[in-house]
Amino acid sequence: MTSYWAAVVVTPAGTRTAMRFAVEVGRIAAVEDRTAPEDGDRVLQLVVPGFVNAHSHAFHRDLRGRTHDQGGDFWRWREAMYALASALTPEAYRAVARRVFGEMTAAGWTAVGEFHYVHHRPDGRPYDPPHAMELAIADAAREAGIRLVLLDTCYLTADVDGGPLGPEQRRFGDGDAEGYLARWHALREALGDDPLVTLGAAIHSVRAVPLPAIERIVGGLPADVPLHLHVAEQPRETDAFLALHGETPVAALDRLGVLSPRTTLVHGTHLSADDVARVGAAGAAVAFCPTTEADLGDGIGPARALADAGARIALGSDGQSVIDPLLEIRGLEAGERLASGRRGRFTPAELLTAATAHGAASLGLSSNGFAVGDPADFVELTLDSPRTSGSAPEQLILTATASDVLRTVVAGAEVFRRAGETAADRPFFLNDETGAAHG
């Protein structure tokens, strides 16, 4: 058992001070508020639940800082991404994923949903032994110490019209829905029983999986498995689908019974008012990826409208243009402010919920509310950096960045600790009048 004392603990439910808590076998074992630290306690500054990355493409990290001189839009950027995907080997994928997952834990992400579709050799032939790419990603996550939900992705067609995969896409495909389901179930067995590595499922998009295949896949997956899919990321895709089917992708998914609390729509940038109502009524989640959506010029999605309709908003790093959950939090609120001309579109508690509890739920995980039995996934932030000094504790997530992460703990294991001063060196307390934190 390891015991901690935190000057401040901020959760979506509120702010607590002078908390002692114990961790045993990866979970919170005991909690005591407003108490003094005891000998042997690890003394922390401000603590929040672990941030949960609901949407990641790890290998996109190798495009960072290499496409800004090319102009264009998402479709132009995709050409560079396809070229990168074509060159991946299992060894290269493991290396980039290990690096990216390490960067994530250093930034405070404690869990990640890896939306993975580079399954086979470049010519489409399966690896022998099978699942080489998937097992490489799982190994990388274990080495980094991050929780991984591998969102194994179906990708069958080149575009909305159902044309065959192009040469640059062949390694993504499984032939048909049955081929995908057979590989998915075999992969689940190959991953084995690991509390830190679990298998989810994903449908790449309506341009990559036809509606009959989507219906078959949803019916062929266990009902408790989280299901993710890109939706309404690009107007071109949505317009082409509407012209072909006479309804929006969201309307079609709703009609087929795909939308549900286990479903997470990724991006949802270009949704109609009817789409928003359908997603909210289904209680689905929507994973916003503000830094990537800004990097690619995708647009600003209707996050506030979706939340008001009943959808759960989660956050992800997507293309790794930056790996920083606090910048994703700030980007979500900033997009809403820019689109509406109003401040405070989401409360700090709502933003923290998006980055923690909603992300965890979208991946089929539990979040840490610092109750006995919760997973011991948490992040320590500094109270006195040039960014955070003077911030009210519950608002610090809107001033901090990943540079302010001092410690990241996953399932009770310290997977990152920044060198230098921590609260163990200097006690911290709350200013009773302002609520701000000071040394």
Protein backbone atom coordinates (compact mmCIF):
# COMPACT_ATOMS: atom_id res chain seq x y z
CA MET A 1 0.00 0.00 0.00
CA THR A 2 1.24 3.50 -0.91
CA SER A 3 -0.10 6.59 0.84
CA TYR A 4 -0.36 10.11 -0.60
CA TRP A 5 -1.24 13.51 0.77
CA ALA A 6 -2.44 16.20 -1.66
CA ALA A 7 -2.82 19.88 -0.87
CA VAL A 8 -5.68 20.12 -3.37
CA VAL A 9 -7.70 17.51 -5.25
CA VAL A 10 -9.94 18.75 -8.05
CA THR A 11 -12.57 16.43 -9.51
CA PRO A 12 -15.69 17.14 -11.58
CA ALA A 13 -17.64 16.83 -8.33
CA GLY A 14 -15.71 19.62 -6.62
CA THR A 15 -12.50 20.71 -4.92
CA ARG A 16 -11.15 19.00 -1.81
CA THR A 17 -8.19 20.06 0.31
CA ALA A 18 -5.62 18.34 2.50
CA MET A 19 -6.59 14.87 1.35
CA ARG A 20 -4.81 11.66 2.32
CA PHE A 21 -5.48 8.65 0.19
CA ALA A 22 -4.03 5.19 -0.04
CA VAL A 23 -3.48 3.05 -3.11
CA GLU A 24 -3.42 -0.72 -3.09
CA VAL A 25 -3.40 -3.17 -6.02
CA GLY A 26 -3.97 -0.33 -8.48
CA ARG A 27 -7.04 1.15 -6.77
CA ILE A 28 -7.96 3.75 -4.20
CA ALA A 29 -8.06 1.90 -0.89
CA ALA A 30 -8.81 4.68 1.62
CA VAL A 31 -9.57 8.41 1.60
CA GLU A 32 -9.46 11.03 4.36
CA ASP A 33 -10.18 14.76 3.85
CA ARG A 34 -8.76 17.78 5.69
CA THR A 35 -6.01 16.01 7.49
CA ALA A 36 -2.28 16.49 7.92
CA PRO A 37 0.30 14.44 6.05
CA GLU A 38 1.87 11.58 7.96
CA ASP A 39 5.34 10.13 7.89
CA GLY A 40 5.84 8.13 4.73
CA ASP A 41 3.18 9.96 2.69
CA ARG A 42 4.09 11.10 -0.79
CA VAL A 43 3.23 14.79 -0.69
CA LEU A 44 1.57 16.25 -3.78
CA GLN A 45 0.48 19.70 -4.92
CA LEU A 46 -2.74 19.77 -6.98
CA VAL A 47 -4.16 16.44 -8.14
CA VAL A 48 -6.78 15.67 -10.79
CA PRO A 49 -8.15 12.38 -12.11
CA GLY A 50 -6.13 10.88 -14.94
CA PHE A 51 -6.84 12.43 -18.33
CA VAL A 52 -8.32 10.01 -20.87
CA ASN A 53 -7.43 10.31 -24.55
CA ALA A 54 -10.52 9.11 -26.40
CA HIS A 55 -9.07 9.28 -29.91
CA SER A 56 -5.51 8.71 -31.08
CA HIS A 57 -3.65 7.74 -34.25
CA ALA A 58 -0.17 7.17 -32.83
CA PHE A 59 1.73 6.97 -36.11
CA HIS A 60 0.51 10.41 -37.21
CA ARG A 61 3.08 11.76 -34.73
CA ASP A 62 5.73 11.39 -37.42
CA LEU A 63 3.96 14.03 -39.53
CA ARG A 64 4.25 16.71 -36.84
CA GLY A 65 6.06 19.76 -38.12
CA ARG A 66 6.41 18.32 -41.63
CA THR A 67 3.28 19.44 -43.52
CA HIS A 68 2.81 23.11 -42.64
CA ASP A 69 4.41 24.34 -45.86
CA GLN A 70 2.06 22.37 -48.12
CA GLY A 71 -1.18 24.32 -47.72
CA GLY A 72 -4.41 22.70 -48.82
CA ASP A 73 -6.88 20.95 -46.55
CA PHE A 74 -7.54 17.60 -44.91
CA TRP A 75 -7.54 15.81 -48.24
CA ARG A 76 -4.12 17.21 -49.15
CA TRP A 77 -2.79 16.26 -45.72
CA ARG A 78 -4.18 12.74 -46.13
CA GLU A 79 -1.78 12.09 -49.01
CA ALA A 80 1.18 12.55 -46.67
CA MET A 81 -0.50 10.37 -44.06
CA TYR A 82 -1.04 7.56 -46.59
CA ALA A 83 2.62 7.72 -47.60
CA LEU A 84 3.62 7.39 -43.96
CA ALA A 85 1.22 4.50 -43.36
CA SER A 86 2.60 2.65 -46.39
CA ALA A 87 6.09 2.60 -44.86
CA LEU A 88 5.13 1.23 -41.45
CA THR A 89 6.40 -2.12 -40.23
CA PRO A 90 5.47 -3.75 -36.91
CA GLU A 91 8.88 -2.77 -35.54
CA ALA A 92 8.49 0.84 -36.69
CA TYR A 93 4.94 0.99 -35.35
CA ARG A 94 6.07 -0.29 -31.96
CA ALA A 95 8.81 2.33 -31.84
CA VAL A 96 6.59 5.29 -32.73
CA ALA A 97 3.78 4.08 -30.45
CA ARG A 98 6.21 3.63 -27.55
CA ARG A 99 7.49 7.16 -28.06
CA VAL A 100 4.00 8.64 -28.39
CA PHE A 101 2.57 6.78 -25.40
CA GLY A 102 5.54 7.95 -23.35
CA GLU A 103 4.85 11.53 -24.43
CA MET A 104 1.23 11.01 -23.40
CA THR A 105 2.03 9.87 -19.88
CA ALA A 106 4.45 12.79 -19.50
CA ALA A 107 1.58 15.11 -20.50
CA GLY A 108 -0.91 13.56 -18.06
CA TRP A 109 -2.84 11.20 -20.30
CA THR A 110 -3.36 7.99 -18.28
CA ALA A 111 -5.44 6.07 -20.83
CA VAL A 112 -5.74 6.13 -24.62
CA GLY A 113 -8.13 4.83 -27.24
CA GLU A 114 -5.92 3.96 -30.21
CA PHE A 115 -8.02 4.08 -33.39
CA HIS A 116 -6.02 1.52 -35.37
CA TYR A 117 -6.47 0.50 -38.99
CA VAL A 118 -2.99 -0.38 -40.37
CA HIS A 119 -3.54 -4.11 -39.99
CA HIS A 120 -1.72 -5.96 -42.78
CA ARG A 121 1.29 -5.89 -45.08
CA PRO A 122 1.31 -3.10 -47.69
CA ASP A 123 -0.09 -5.47 -50.34
CA GLY A 124 -2.96 -6.49 -48.04
CA ARG A 125 -1.62 -9.92 -47.04
CA PRO A 126 -1.94 -10.70 -43.32
CA TYR A 127 1.18 -10.91 -41.20
CA ASP A 128 2.45 -14.35 -40.19
CA PRO A 129 2.19 -14.79 -37.28
CA PRO A 130 -1.03 -12.75 -37.27
CA HIS A 131 -1.80 -9.49 -35.47
CA ALA A 132 1.80 -8.26 -35.67
CA MET A 133 0.77 -4.61 -35.83
CA GLU A 134 -1.80 -4.85 -33.06
CA LEU A 135 0.50 -6.74 -30.72
CA ALA A 136 3.25 -4.18 -31.36
CA ILE A 137 0.92 -1.39 -30.23
CA ALA A 138 -0.10 -3.36 -27.13
CA ASP A 139 3.55 -3.99 -26.24
CA ALA A 140 4.32 -0.28 -26.64
CA ALA A 141 1.49 0.65 -24.26
CA ARG A 142 2.67 -1.86 -21.67
CA GLU A 143 6.21 -0.46 -21.84
CA ALA A 144 4.93 3.12 -21.43
CA GLY A 145 2.59 2.13 -18.60
CA ILE A 146 -0.50 3.72 -20.16
CA ARG A 147 -3.95 2.11 -20.21
CA LEU A 148 -4.74 1.11 -23.78
CA VAL A 149 -8.10 0.44 -25.38
CA LEU A 150 -7.16 -0.78 -28.84
CA LEU A 151 -10.00 0.41 -31.08
CA ASP A 152 -9.47 -2.13 -33.83
CA THR A 153 -10.92 -0.56 -36.96
CA CYS A 154 -12.84 -1.85 -39.95
CA TYR A 155 -11.90 -0.27 -43.29
CA LEU A 156 -13.37 -1.84 -46.45
CA THR A 157 -13.93 0.68 -49.26
CA ALA A 158 -12.18 3.67 -50.80
CA ASP A 159 -15.07 6.11 -50.62
CA VAL A 160 -18.79 6.60 -50.02
CA ASP A 161 -19.63 5.00 -53.37
CA GLY A 162 -18.19 1.68 -52.19
CA GLY A 163 -15.29 1.48 -54.63
CA PRO A 164 -12.39 -0.90 -53.97
CA LEU A 165 -9.51 0.12 -51.76
CA GLY A 166 -6.69 1.93 -53.52
CA PRO A 167 -3.09 0.68 -53.36
CA GLU A 168 -2.37 3.00 -50.43
CA GLN A 169 -5.35 1.57 -48.50
CA ARG A 170 -5.02 -2.17 -49.10
CA ARG A 171 -3.27 -2.88 -45.85
CA PHE A 172 -6.24 -1.44 -43.95
CA GLY A 173 -8.83 -3.87 -45.29
CA ASP A 174 -10.26 -7.25 -44.26
CA GLY A 175 -12.30 -7.92 -47.42
CA ASP A 176 -15.73 -7.72 -45.87
CA ALA A 177 -17.54 -7.47 -42.56
CA GLU A 178 -17.14 -11.18 -41.88
CA GLY A 179 -13.40 -10.95 -42.44
CA TYR A 180 -13.15 -8.05 -40.01
CA LEU A 181 -15.22 -9.81 -37.35
CA ALA A 182 -13.19 -13.00 -37.64
CA ARG A 183 -9.95 -11.08 -37.22
CA TRP A 184 -11.37 -9.00 -34.35
CA HIS A 185 -12.42 -12.07 -32.35
CA ALA A 186 -9.06 -13.77 -32.99
CA LEU A 187 -7.27 -10.62 -31.87
CA ARG A 188 -9.25 -10.51 -28.66
CA GLU A 189 -8.00 -13.98 -27.82
CA ALA A 190 -4.43 -13.09 -28.82
CA LEU A 191 -4.33 -10.04 -26.52
CA GLY A 192 -5.22 -12.21 -23.56
CA ASP A 193 -6.34 -11.07 -20.13
CA ASP A 194 -4.54 -7.84 -19.29
CA PRO A 195 -6.19 -5.21 -17.07
CA LEU A 196 -4.23 -2.42 -18.81
CA VAL A 197 -4.82 -3.52 -22.42
CA THR A 198 -8.35 -4.13 -23.65
CA LEU A 199 -9.96 -4.41 -27.07
CA GLY A 200 -12.59 -2.06 -28.41
CA ALA A 201 -13.93 -1.71 -31.94
CA ALA A 202 -14.21 0.98 -34.56
CA ILE A 203 -15.77 1.59 -37.95
CA HIS A 204 -13.50 3.98 -39.76
CA SER A 205 -16.25 6.07 -41.40
CA VAL A 206 -19.22 5.83 -43.74
CA ARG A 207 -16.82 6.36 -46.63
CA ALA A 208 -14.79 3.31 -45.61
CA VAL A 209 -17.55 0.92 -44.51
CA PRO A 210 -20.88 0.56 -46.39
CA LEU A 211 -24.11 0.61 -44.41
CA PRO A 212 -24.88 -3.15 -44.71
CA ALA A 213 -21.40 -3.93 -43.40
CA ILE A 214 -21.84 -1.46 -40.54
CA GLU A 215 -25.07 -3.17 -39.56
CA ARG A 216 -23.44 -6.59 -39.69
CA ILE A 217 -20.44 -5.49 -37.63
CA VAL A 218 -22.56 -3.90 -34.92
CA GLY A 219 -24.56 -7.11 -34.66
CA GLY A 220 -21.43 -9.28 -34.59
CA LEU A 221 -19.64 -7.48 -31.77
CA PRO A 222 -20.29 -8.13 -28.06
CA ALA A 223 -22.82 -5.62 -26.76
CA ASP A 224 -20.48 -4.31 -24.06
CA VAL A 225 -17.63 -3.41 -26.41
CA PRO A 226 -17.15 0.34 -27.04
CA LEU A 227 -17.70 1.29 -30.69
CA HIS A 228 -16.11 4.38 -32.26
CA LEU A 229 -16.37 5.89 -35.75
CA HIS A 230 -15.41 9.07 -37.57
CA VAL A 231 -18.54 11.06 -38.45
CA ALA A 232 -19.06 14.42 -40.16
CA GLU A 233 -15.37 15.24 -40.13
CA GLN A 234 -15.45 16.65 -43.67
CA PRO A 235 -18.32 18.32 -45.57
CA ARG A 236 -17.31 16.54 -48.79
CA GLU A 237 -17.91 13.14 -47.24
CA THR A 238 -21.24 14.14 -45.71
CA ASP A 239 -22.45 15.77 -48.94
CA ALA A 240 -21.51 12.70 -50.99
CA PHE A 241 -23.31 10.41 -48.56
CA LEU A 242 -26.42 12.61 -48.57
CA ALA A 243 -26.49 12.65 -52.38
CA LEU A 244 -26.18 8.86 -52.54
CA HIS A 245 -28.51 7.86 -49.70
CA GLY A 246 -30.85 10.80 -49.26
CA GLU A 247 -30.01 11.13 -45.55
CA THR A 248 -27.08 12.24 -43.44
CA PRO A 249 -24.62 9.70 -42.03
CA VAL A 250 -25.98 10.32 -38.52
CA ALA A 251 -29.57 9.75 -39.66
CA ALA A 252 -28.52 6.48 -41.31
CA LEU A 253 -26.63 5.32 -38.24
CA ASP A 254 -29.61 6.19 -36.07
CA ARG A 255 -31.97 4.28 -38.38
CA LEU A 256 -29.73 1.21 -38.19
CA GLY A 257 -29.60 1.33 -34.39
CA VAL A 258 -25.88 2.12 -34.28
CA LEU A 259 -26.22 5.15 -32.02
CA SER A 260 -26.29 4.22 -28.35
CA PRO A 261 -24.47 4.99 -25.09
CA ARG A 262 -21.66 2.66 -26.17
CA THR A 263 -21.09 4.63 -29.38
CA THR A 264 -18.56 7.43 -29.75
CA LEU A 265 -18.66 9.64 -32.83
CA VAL A 266 -15.28 11.20 -33.54
CA HIS A 267 -15.14 14.88 -34.54
CA GLY A 268 -18.82 15.50 -35.44
CA THR A 269 -17.69 18.84 -36.84
CA HIS A 270 -20.30 19.29 -39.57
CA LEU A 271 -23.59 18.13 -38.03
CA SER A 272 -27.06 19.39 -38.82
CA ALA A 273 -29.45 20.41 -36.05
CA ASP A 274 -31.32 17.13 -36.63
CA ASP A 275 -28.03 15.21 -36.33
CA VAL A 276 -27.30 16.90 -33.02
CA ALA A 277 -30.73 15.98 -31.68
CA ARG A 278 -30.32 12.34 -32.75
CA VAL A 279 -26.89 11.98 -31.16
CA GLY A 280 -28.10 13.56 -27.94
CA ALA A 281 -31.25 11.45 -27.77
CA ALA A 282 -29.15 8.28 -28.14
CA GLY A 283 -26.86 9.30 -25.28
CA ALA A 284 -23.83 8.76 -27.48
CA ALA A 285 -20.44 10.36 -26.92
CA VAL A 286 -18.65 12.71 -29.30
CA ALA A 287 -14.86 12.88 -29.18
CA PHE A 288 -13.59 16.33 -30.06
CA CYS A 289 -9.92 16.72 -30.99
CA PRO A 290 -9.49 20.51 -30.97
CA THR A 291 -5.76 20.76 -31.68
CA THR A 292 -5.95 18.41 -34.67
CA GLU A 293 -9.17 19.93 -35.98
CA ALA A 294 -7.47 23.32 -35.88
CA ASP A 295 -4.25 21.96 -37.41
CA LEU A 296 -6.14 20.51 -40.38
CA GLY A 297 -8.52 23.45 -40.77
CA ASP A 298 -11.51 21.16 -40.26
CA GLY A 299 -13.78 23.67 -38.53
CA ILE A 300 -15.40 24.10 -35.12
CA GLY A 301 -17.99 21.51 -34.13
CA PRO A 302 -21.20 22.15 -32.15
CA ALA A 303 -19.90 20.94 -28.80
CA ARG A 304 -22.20 23.01 -26.59
CA ALA A 305 -25.28 22.13 -28.65
CA LEU A 306 -24.38 18.44 -28.47
CA ALA A 307 -23.89 18.56 -24.71
CA ASP A 308 -27.18 20.40 -24.26
CA ALA A 309 -28.91 17.74 -26.38
CA GLY A 310 -27.63 14.96 -24.10
CA ALA A 311 -24.40 13.85 -25.77
CA ARG A 312 -21.29 13.23 -23.70
CA ILE A 313 -18.28 15.25 -24.87
CA ALA A 314 -14.87 13.56 -24.71
CA LEU A 315 -11.44 14.71 -25.88
CA GLY A 316 -8.61 13.20 -27.92
CA SER A 317 -5.22 14.03 -29.38
CA ASP A 318 -5.97 12.44 -32.78
CA GLY A 319 -3.09 13.34 -35.12
CA GLN A 320 -0.65 14.27 -32.33
CA SER A 321 -0.11 17.80 -33.65
CA VAL A 322 0.41 18.38 -29.95
CA ILE A 323 0.21 15.94 -27.04
CA ASP A 324 -1.30 17.91 -24.19
CA PRO A 325 -4.68 17.20 -22.61
CA LEU A 326 -4.79 20.67 -21.08
CA LEU A 327 -4.50 22.28 -24.49
CA GLU A 328 -7.32 20.03 -25.74
CA ILE A 329 -9.43 21.26 -22.80
CA ARG A 330 -8.61 24.85 -23.59
CA GLY A 331 -9.18 24.29 -27.31
CA LEU A 332 -12.67 22.93 -26.71
CA GLU A 333 -13.69 26.02 -24.77
CA ALA A 334 -11.80 28.39 -27.10
CA GLY A 335 -13.59 27.02 -30.15
CA GLU A 336 -16.94 27.59 -28.51
CA ARG A 337 -15.98 31.14 -27.53
CA LEU A 338 -14.78 31.97 -31.03
CA ALA A 339 -17.91 30.55 -32.63
CA SER A 340 -20.37 32.15 -30.20
CA GLY A 341 -18.72 35.37 -29.03
CA ARG A 342 -19.41 34.34 -25.44
CA ARG A 343 -17.14 33.20 -22.60
CA GLY A 344 -17.66 30.32 -20.22
CA ARG A 345 -19.45 28.07 -22.68
CA PHE A 346 -18.37 25.08 -20.60
CA THR A 347 -17.77 25.32 -16.88
CA PRO A 348 -14.38 24.15 -15.59
CA ALA A 349 -16.13 21.12 -14.08
CA GLU A 350 -17.68 20.23 -17.46
CA LEU A 351 -14.31 20.56 -19.16
CA LEU A 352 -12.64 18.32 -16.58
CA THR A 353 -15.45 15.81 -17.01
CA ALA A 354 -14.87 15.75 -20.77
CA ALA A 355 -11.16 15.07 -20.27
CA THR A 356 -11.67 12.39 -17.62
CA ALA A 357 -14.99 10.67 -16.88
CA HIS A 358 -16.55 11.05 -20.33
CA GLY A 359 -13.40 9.90 -22.06
CA ALA A 360 -13.20 6.89 -19.76
CA ALA A 361 -16.85 5.99 -20.36
CA SER A 362 -16.36 6.24 -24.13
CA LEU A 363 -13.62 3.61 -23.85
CA GLY A 364 -15.51 1.34 -21.46
CA LEU A 365 -13.29 2.33 -18.53
CA SER A 366 -13.93 3.62 -15.03
CA SER A 367 -12.75 7.06 -13.98
CA ASN A 368 -11.09 8.03 -10.72
CA GLY A 369 -13.40 10.09 -8.52
CA PHE A 370 -11.18 9.39 -5.49
CA ALA A 371 -13.70 7.03 -3.97
CA VAL A 372 -12.66 3.72 -2.48
CA GLY A 373 -12.41 1.16 -5.26
CA ASP A 374 -11.76 3.66 -8.06
CA PRO A 375 -8.78 3.06 -10.35
CA ALA A 376 -5.70 4.83 -9.02
CA ASP A 377 -5.13 6.90 -12.16
CA PHE A 378 -4.25 10.50 -11.35
CA VAL A 379 -2.07 13.45 -12.30
CA GLU A 380 -0.21 15.96 -10.14
CA LEU A 381 0.00 19.53 -11.43
CA THR A 382 2.17 22.31 -10.08
CA LEU A 383 0.53 25.22 -8.33
CA ASP A 384 3.30 27.76 -8.83
CA SER A 385 4.53 27.79 -12.40
CA PRO A 386 4.47 30.98 -14.48
CA ARG A 387 1.19 29.68 -15.93
CA THR A 388 -0.59 28.37 -12.84
CA SER A 389 0.49 30.67 -10.02
CA GLY A 390 -2.54 32.46 -8.56
CA SER A 391 -5.09 30.33 -10.39
CA ALA A 392 -8.18 29.19 -8.53
CA PRO A 393 -7.70 25.41 -8.21
CA GLU A 394 -10.80 24.44 -10.18
CA GLN A 395 -9.77 26.83 -12.99
CA LEU A 396 -6.14 25.73 -13.17
CA ILE A 397 -6.97 23.32 -16.02
CA LEU A 398 -7.53 26.43 -18.16
CA THR A 399 -4.14 27.95 -17.34
CA ALA A 400 -1.86 24.91 -17.09
CA THR A 401 -0.17 23.01 -19.90
CA ALA A 402 1.57 19.65 -20.02
CA SER A 403 4.71 21.44 -18.83
CA ASP A 404 2.97 21.74 -15.45
CA VAL A 405 2.53 17.97 -15.00
CA LEU A 406 4.73 16.81 -12.13
CA ARG A 407 3.60 13.20 -11.82
CA THR A 408 1.41 10.71 -13.65
CA VAL A 409 0.14 7.58 -11.93
CA VAL A 410 -1.62 4.71 -13.72
CA ALA A 411 -3.13 1.83 -11.74
CA GLY A 412 -1.05 2.92 -8.76
CA ALA A 413 2.25 2.88 -10.68
CA GLU A 414 4.18 6.11 -11.13
CA VAL A 415 4.81 6.17 -14.89
CA PHE A 416 6.12 9.73 -15.08
CA ARG A 417 7.73 12.14 -12.65
CA ARG A 418 9.22 15.46 -13.68
CA ALA A 419 12.66 16.21 -12.31
CA GLY A 420 12.88 19.15 -9.93
CA GLU A 421 10.83 20.63 -7.13
CA THR A 422 7.63 18.94 -5.98
CA ALA A 423 5.33 19.57 -3.04
CA ALA A 424 7.51 17.34 -0.92
CA ASP A 425 10.09 20.12 -1.01
CA ARG A 426 7.74 22.99 -0.22
CA PRO A 427 4.27 22.81 1.39
CA PHE A 428 1.33 24.43 -0.36
CA PHE A 429 -1.96 25.73 0.95
CA LEU A 430 -5.09 27.54 -0.24
CA ASN A 431 -5.64 31.23 0.32
CA ASP A 432 -8.84 31.24 2.37
CA GLU A 433 -10.01 34.55 0.90
CA THR A 434 -9.33 34.08 -2.81
CA GLY A 435 -9.34 30.32 -3.18
CA ALA A 436 -6.09 30.61 -5.12
CA ALA A 437 -3.14 28.37 -4.42
CA HIS A 438 0.14 29.78 -3.10
CA GLY A 439 3.41 28.50 -1.78
